Amino acid sequence: QVQLVESGGGLVQAGGSLRLSCAASGSIASIATMSWYRQAPGNQRELVAAITSGGTISYSDSVKGRFTISRDNANNTVYLQMNNLKTEDTAVYYCNARTLYLRRFWGQGTQVTVSS
């Protein structure tokens, strides 16, 4: 089992920045990929960014160049630095862990609201 706890969401004006954190605990050694997803009202949950245990990073086109995903292995934490936020970035952001055994675990979500 893997437990994930997100933090760092909030209200910010367009053009501003936020940093989300996701602290993992439990079967840490089994985690292969950590990802951030988001879900806006009425929309499906979508992948925002991902980082593998080997350090390979990917982003959705909508956030490329504005968001940065990173991981601190010593503290079992993944971050999502979000810059130049837009109103369309408003969503609940979820941390996801995929293990070597292809199991997925989710955090509780953190709300990000970007005002115009």
N, C-alpha and C. Protein backbone atom coordinates (compact mmCIF):
# COMPACT_ATOMS: atom_id res chain seq x y z
N GLN A 1 0.83 -1.20 0.00
CA GLN A 1 0.00 0.00 0.00
C GLN A 1 0.87 1.25 0.00
N VAL A 2 0.36 2.28 -0.67
CA VAL A 2 1.02 3.58 -0.71
C VAL A 2 0.01 4.63 -0.28
N GLN A 3 0.41 5.50 0.62
CA GLN A 3 -0.44 6.60 1.04
C GLN A 3 0.15 7.90 0.49
N LEU A 4 -0.74 8.75 0.00
CA LEU A 4 -0.33 10.01 -0.61
C LEU A 4 -1.10 11.16 0.03
N VAL A 5 -0.38 12.22 0.40
CA VAL A 5 -1.02 13.40 1.00
C VAL A 5 -0.56 14.63 0.24
N GLU A 6 -1.51 15.31 -0.39
CA GLU A 6 -1.20 16.52 -1.15
C GLU A 6 -1.36 17.75 -0.28
N SER A 7 -0.66 18.80 -0.64
CA SER A 7 -0.81 20.09 0.01
C SER A 7 -0.36 21.17 -0.96
N GLY A 8 -0.71 22.42 -0.64
CA GLY A 8 -0.21 23.54 -1.42
C GLY A 8 -1.22 24.20 -2.33
N GLY A 9 -2.43 23.68 -2.42
CA GLY A 9 -3.42 24.32 -3.26
C GLY A 9 -3.90 25.62 -2.65
N GLY A 10 -4.70 26.35 -3.42
CA GLY A 10 -5.23 27.61 -2.91
C GLY A 10 -5.78 28.47 -4.02
N LEU A 11 -5.98 29.73 -3.68
CA LEU A 11 -6.52 30.72 -4.61
C LEU A 11 -5.39 31.65 -5.03
N VAL A 12 -5.27 31.86 -6.32
CA VAL A 12 -4.22 32.73 -6.84
C VAL A 12 -4.76 33.47 -8.05
N GLN A 13 -4.23 34.64 -8.30
CA GLN A 13 -4.64 35.40 -9.49
C GLN A 13 -3.93 34.86 -10.72
N ALA A 14 -4.54 35.09 -11.85
CA ALA A 14 -3.93 34.69 -13.12
C ALA A 14 -2.54 35.32 -13.24
N GLY A 15 -1.60 34.51 -13.71
CA GLY A 15 -0.21 34.96 -13.79
C GLY A 15 0.61 34.61 -12.58
N GLY A 16 -0.05 34.19 -11.52
CA GLY A 16 0.65 33.85 -10.29
C GLY A 16 1.20 32.44 -10.29
N SER A 17 1.73 32.05 -9.12
CA SER A 17 2.38 30.75 -8.99
C SER A 17 1.90 30.03 -7.73
N LEU A 18 1.95 28.72 -7.79
CA LEU A 18 1.70 27.86 -6.64
C LEU A 18 2.62 26.65 -6.74
N ARG A 19 2.93 26.07 -5.60
CA ARG A 19 3.68 24.82 -5.60
C ARG A 19 2.90 23.78 -4.81
N LEU A 20 2.60 22.69 -5.47
CA LEU A 20 1.93 21.58 -4.82
C LEU A 20 2.96 20.55 -4.35
N SER A 21 2.65 19.93 -3.24
CA SER A 21 3.51 18.87 -2.70
C SER A 21 2.69 17.61 -2.52
N CYS A 22 3.36 16.47 -2.67
CA CYS A 22 2.72 15.17 -2.47
C CYS A 22 3.69 14.31 -1.69
N ALA A 23 3.34 14.03 -0.45
CA ALA A 23 4.19 13.22 0.41
C ALA A 23 3.71 11.77 0.37
N ALA A 24 4.62 10.87 0.06
CA ALA A 24 4.28 9.45 -0.06
C ALA A 24 4.80 8.69 1.15
N SER A 25 4.04 7.69 1.55
CA SER A 25 4.47 6.80 2.63
C SER A 25 3.97 5.40 2.34
N GLY A 26 4.48 4.45 3.09
CA GLY A 26 4.10 3.05 2.86
C GLY A 26 5.14 2.33 2.04
N SER A 27 4.70 1.63 1.01
CA SER A 27 5.60 0.82 0.17
C SER A 27 6.30 1.71 -0.86
N ILE A 28 7.17 2.58 -0.38
CA ILE A 28 7.81 3.58 -1.24
C ILE A 28 8.67 2.93 -2.30
N ALA A 29 9.37 1.88 -1.95
CA ALA A 29 10.30 1.25 -2.89
C ALA A 29 9.61 0.67 -4.11
N SER A 30 8.32 0.44 -4.01
CA SER A 30 7.59 -0.16 -5.13
C SER A 30 7.09 0.87 -6.13
N ILE A 31 7.26 2.14 -5.83
CA ILE A 31 6.73 3.19 -6.72
C ILE A 31 7.61 3.34 -7.95
N ALA A 32 6.98 3.26 -9.13
CA ALA A 32 7.71 3.42 -10.38
C ALA A 32 7.54 4.82 -10.94
N THR A 33 6.32 5.33 -10.91
CA THR A 33 6.02 6.63 -11.49
C THR A 33 5.11 7.42 -10.56
N MET A 34 5.45 8.68 -10.41
CA MET A 34 4.59 9.61 -9.67
C MET A 34 4.04 10.62 -10.67
N SER A 35 2.77 10.93 -10.53
CA SER A 35 2.12 11.81 -11.48
C SER A 35 1.21 12.79 -10.77
N TRP A 36 0.93 13.86 -11.48
CA TRP A 36 -0.11 14.81 -11.07
C TRP A 36 -1.21 14.79 -12.12
N TYR A 37 -2.44 14.66 -11.67
CA TYR A 37 -3.61 14.74 -12.51
C TYR A 37 -4.45 15.92 -12.01
N ARG A 38 -5.39 16.35 -12.84
CA ARG A 38 -6.34 17.36 -12.41
C ARG A 38 -7.70 17.08 -13.00
N GLN A 39 -8.70 17.57 -12.30
CA GLN A 39 -10.08 17.39 -12.75
C GLN A 39 -10.86 18.66 -12.47
N ALA A 40 -11.33 19.28 -13.54
CA ALA A 40 -12.18 20.46 -13.42
C ALA A 40 -13.63 20.02 -13.44
N PRO A 41 -14.54 20.81 -12.89
CA PRO A 41 -15.96 20.44 -12.88
C PRO A 41 -16.47 20.14 -14.29
N GLY A 42 -17.12 18.99 -14.42
CA GLY A 42 -17.69 18.61 -15.70
C GLY A 42 -16.70 17.99 -16.67
N ASN A 43 -15.44 17.91 -16.26
CA ASN A 43 -14.41 17.36 -17.15
C ASN A 43 -13.88 16.04 -16.59
N GLN A 44 -13.26 15.28 -17.47
CA GLN A 44 -12.61 14.05 -17.03
C GLN A 44 -11.27 14.39 -16.37
N ARG A 45 -10.81 13.48 -15.54
CA ARG A 45 -9.51 13.66 -14.92
C ARG A 45 -8.43 13.52 -16.01
N GLU A 46 -7.48 14.45 -16.02
CA GLU A 46 -6.46 14.44 -17.05
C GLU A 46 -5.07 14.46 -16.44
N LEU A 47 -4.14 13.82 -17.14
CA LEU A 47 -2.76 13.80 -16.71
C LEU A 47 -2.11 15.15 -16.97
N VAL A 48 -1.41 15.66 -15.97
CA VAL A 48 -0.74 16.96 -16.09
C VAL A 48 0.76 16.76 -16.27
N ALA A 49 1.36 15.95 -15.39
CA ALA A 49 2.81 15.74 -15.44
C ALA A 49 3.14 14.42 -14.76
N ALA A 50 4.26 13.83 -15.17
CA ALA A 50 4.67 12.56 -14.58
C ALA A 50 6.19 12.51 -14.51
N ILE A 51 6.69 11.77 -13.51
CA ILE A 51 8.13 11.57 -13.36
C ILE A 51 8.37 10.13 -12.93
N THR A 52 9.27 9.45 -13.63
CA THR A 52 9.55 8.06 -13.29
C THR A 52 10.65 7.99 -12.25
N SER A 53 10.85 6.80 -11.73
CA SER A 53 11.91 6.61 -10.74
C SER A 53 13.28 6.86 -11.36
N GLY A 54 13.36 6.71 -12.67
CA GLY A 54 14.62 6.98 -13.37
C GLY A 54 14.81 8.43 -13.74
N GLY A 55 13.79 9.24 -13.48
CA GLY A 55 13.90 10.68 -13.73
C GLY A 55 13.32 11.15 -15.05
N THR A 56 12.70 10.25 -15.80
CA THR A 56 12.07 10.67 -17.06
C THR A 56 10.81 11.47 -16.74
N ILE A 57 10.68 12.62 -17.40
CA ILE A 57 9.59 13.56 -17.13
C ILE A 57 8.76 13.78 -18.38
N SER A 58 7.47 13.93 -18.19
CA SER A 58 6.58 14.27 -19.29
C SER A 58 5.52 15.24 -18.80
N TYR A 59 5.01 16.05 -19.72
CA TYR A 59 3.99 17.05 -19.43
C TYR A 59 2.91 17.01 -20.47
N SER A 60 1.71 17.42 -20.06
CA SER A 60 0.67 17.64 -21.04
C SER A 60 1.01 18.91 -21.81
N ASP A 61 0.52 19.00 -23.04
CA ASP A 61 0.81 20.18 -23.85
C ASP A 61 0.29 21.47 -23.21
N SER A 62 -0.79 21.36 -22.47
CA SER A 62 -1.43 22.55 -21.91
C SER A 62 -0.60 23.20 -20.80
N VAL A 63 0.33 22.46 -20.21
CA VAL A 63 1.11 23.03 -19.10
C VAL A 63 2.60 23.11 -19.42
N LYS A 64 3.00 22.55 -20.55
CA LYS A 64 4.42 22.52 -20.90
C LYS A 64 4.98 23.94 -20.94
N GLY A 65 6.11 24.14 -20.30
CA GLY A 65 6.73 25.45 -20.25
C GLY A 65 6.28 26.30 -19.08
N ARG A 66 5.21 25.88 -18.39
CA ARG A 66 4.71 26.65 -17.23
C ARG A 66 4.82 25.84 -15.93
N PHE A 67 4.65 24.54 -16.02
CA PHE A 67 4.69 23.68 -14.83
C PHE A 67 5.97 22.86 -14.82
N THR A 68 6.46 22.58 -13.62
CA THR A 68 7.66 21.75 -13.46
C THR A 68 7.40 20.70 -12.38
N ILE A 69 7.60 19.44 -12.73
CA ILE A 69 7.47 18.37 -11.76
C ILE A 69 8.86 17.96 -11.30
N SER A 70 8.97 17.66 -10.02
CA SER A 70 10.26 17.22 -9.47
C SER A 70 9.98 16.28 -8.30
N ARG A 71 11.01 15.52 -7.93
CA ARG A 71 10.82 14.61 -6.81
C ARG A 71 12.04 14.65 -5.90
N ASP A 72 11.78 14.60 -4.61
CA ASP A 72 12.82 14.58 -3.59
C ASP A 72 12.79 13.18 -2.99
N ASN A 73 13.68 12.33 -3.47
CA ASN A 73 13.65 10.93 -3.03
C ASN A 73 13.97 10.78 -1.55
N ALA A 74 14.78 11.67 -1.04
CA ALA A 74 15.15 11.58 0.37
C ALA A 74 13.95 11.79 1.28
N ASN A 75 13.02 12.63 0.84
CA ASN A 75 11.83 12.93 1.64
C ASN A 75 10.57 12.31 1.08
N ASN A 76 10.73 11.46 0.04
CA ASN A 76 9.57 10.78 -0.56
C ASN A 76 8.47 11.76 -0.94
N THR A 77 8.86 12.84 -1.56
CA THR A 77 7.91 13.90 -1.90
C THR A 77 8.06 14.28 -3.37
N VAL A 78 6.93 14.52 -4.00
CA VAL A 78 6.90 15.01 -5.38
C VAL A 78 6.28 16.40 -5.37
N TYR A 79 6.82 17.27 -6.19
CA TYR A 79 6.35 18.65 -6.25
C TYR A 79 5.83 18.97 -7.65
N LEU A 80 4.93 19.92 -7.69
CA LEU A 80 4.50 20.48 -8.96
C LEU A 80 4.54 21.99 -8.82
N GLN A 81 5.55 22.58 -9.43
CA GLN A 81 5.67 24.04 -9.45
C GLN A 81 4.86 24.56 -10.62
N MET A 82 3.91 25.42 -10.33
CA MET A 82 3.01 25.93 -11.36
C MET A 82 3.20 27.43 -11.47
N ASN A 83 3.68 27.88 -12.61
CA ASN A 83 3.92 29.30 -12.87
C ASN A 83 3.00 29.80 -13.97
N ASN A 84 2.84 31.10 -14.01
CA ASN A 84 2.01 31.73 -15.04
C ASN A 84 0.65 31.04 -15.12
N LEU A 85 0.01 30.90 -13.99
CA LEU A 85 -1.25 30.17 -13.93
C LEU A 85 -2.34 30.90 -14.70
N LYS A 86 -3.22 30.11 -15.31
CA LYS A 86 -4.32 30.62 -16.10
C LYS A 86 -5.63 30.16 -15.46
N THR A 87 -6.71 30.86 -15.79
CA THR A 87 -8.01 30.50 -15.21
C THR A 87 -8.38 29.06 -15.57
N GLU A 88 -7.95 28.61 -16.73
CA GLU A 88 -8.28 27.24 -17.14
C GLU A 88 -7.48 26.18 -16.38
N ASP A 89 -6.55 26.59 -15.54
CA ASP A 89 -5.84 25.65 -14.68
C ASP A 89 -6.64 25.33 -13.42
N THR A 90 -7.74 26.03 -13.21
CA THR A 90 -8.57 25.78 -12.04
C THR A 90 -9.10 24.35 -12.06
N ALA A 91 -8.84 23.62 -10.98
CA ALA A 91 -9.23 22.21 -10.90
C ALA A 91 -8.83 21.66 -9.54
N VAL A 92 -9.29 20.46 -9.27
CA VAL A 92 -8.74 19.71 -8.15
C VAL A 92 -7.56 18.90 -8.68
N TYR A 93 -6.44 19.04 -8.01
CA TYR A 93 -5.22 18.37 -8.45
C TYR A 93 -4.98 17.15 -7.56
N TYR A 94 -4.70 16.03 -8.21
CA TYR A 94 -4.51 14.76 -7.51
C TYR A 94 -3.11 14.22 -7.76
N CYS A 95 -2.52 13.71 -6.73
CA CYS A 95 -1.25 13.00 -6.84
C CYS A 95 -1.55 11.52 -7.07
N ASN A 96 -0.75 10.90 -7.91
CA ASN A 96 -0.94 9.49 -8.23
C ASN A 96 0.39 8.77 -8.19
N ALA A 97 0.38 7.57 -7.63
CA ALA A 97 1.56 6.72 -7.63
C ALA A 97 1.23 5.42 -8.34
N ARG A 98 2.10 5.03 -9.28
CA ARG A 98 1.93 3.73 -9.95
C ARG A 98 3.11 2.86 -9.54
N THR A 99 2.81 1.68 -9.05
CA THR A 99 3.88 0.82 -8.55
C THR A 99 4.43 -0.09 -9.66
N LEU A 100 5.48 -0.78 -9.31
CA LEU A 100 6.09 -1.75 -10.23
C LEU A 100 5.12 -2.86 -10.60
N TYR A 101 4.10 -3.06 -9.74
CA TYR A 101 3.11 -4.11 -9.96
C TYR A 101 1.85 -3.56 -10.62
N LEU A 102 1.97 -2.32 -11.14
CA LEU A 102 0.90 -1.66 -11.90
C LEU A 102 -0.31 -1.31 -11.06
N ARG A 103 -0.14 -1.25 -9.74
CA ARG A 103 -1.23 -0.75 -8.90
C ARG A 103 -1.14 0.76 -8.84
N ARG A 104 -2.30 1.41 -8.73
CA ARG A 104 -2.35 2.86 -8.66
C ARG A 104 -2.96 3.31 -7.34
N PHE A 105 -2.38 4.35 -6.81
CA PHE A 105 -2.87 4.93 -5.57
C PHE A 105 -3.08 6.43 -5.79
N TRP A 106 -4.09 6.98 -5.12
CA TRP A 106 -4.44 8.39 -5.29
C TRP A 106 -4.42 9.11 -3.95
N GLY A 107 -4.07 10.40 -4.03
CA GLY A 107 -4.22 11.26 -2.87
C GLY A 107 -5.65 11.77 -2.81
N GLN A 108 -5.91 12.59 -1.80
CA GLN A 108 -7.27 13.09 -1.59
C GLN A 108 -7.61 14.28 -2.48
N GLY A 109 -6.60 14.88 -3.08
CA GLY A 109 -6.84 16.03 -3.95
C GLY A 109 -6.67 17.35 -3.23
N THR A 110 -6.25 18.36 -3.98
CA THR A 110 -6.12 19.70 -3.44
C THR A 110 -6.65 20.68 -4.48
N GLN A 111 -7.45 21.64 -4.01
CA GLN A 111 -8.11 22.57 -4.93
C GLN A 111 -7.16 23.69 -5.33
N VAL A 112 -7.11 23.96 -6.62
CA VAL A 112 -6.39 25.11 -7.15
C VAL A 112 -7.41 25.97 -7.89
N THR A 113 -7.52 27.22 -7.49
CA THR A 113 -8.44 28.15 -8.11
C THR A 113 -7.67 29.35 -8.60
N VAL A 114 -7.79 29.63 -9.89
CA VAL A 114 -7.10 30.77 -10.50
C VAL A 114 -8.15 31.79 -10.91
N SER A 115 -8.06 32.97 -10.35
CA SER A 115 -9.02 34.03 -10.64
C SER A 115 -8.47 34.97 -11.70
N SER A 116 -9.39 35.58 -12.44
CA SER A 116 -8.97 36.49 -13.52
C SER A 116 -8.77 37.89 -13.01
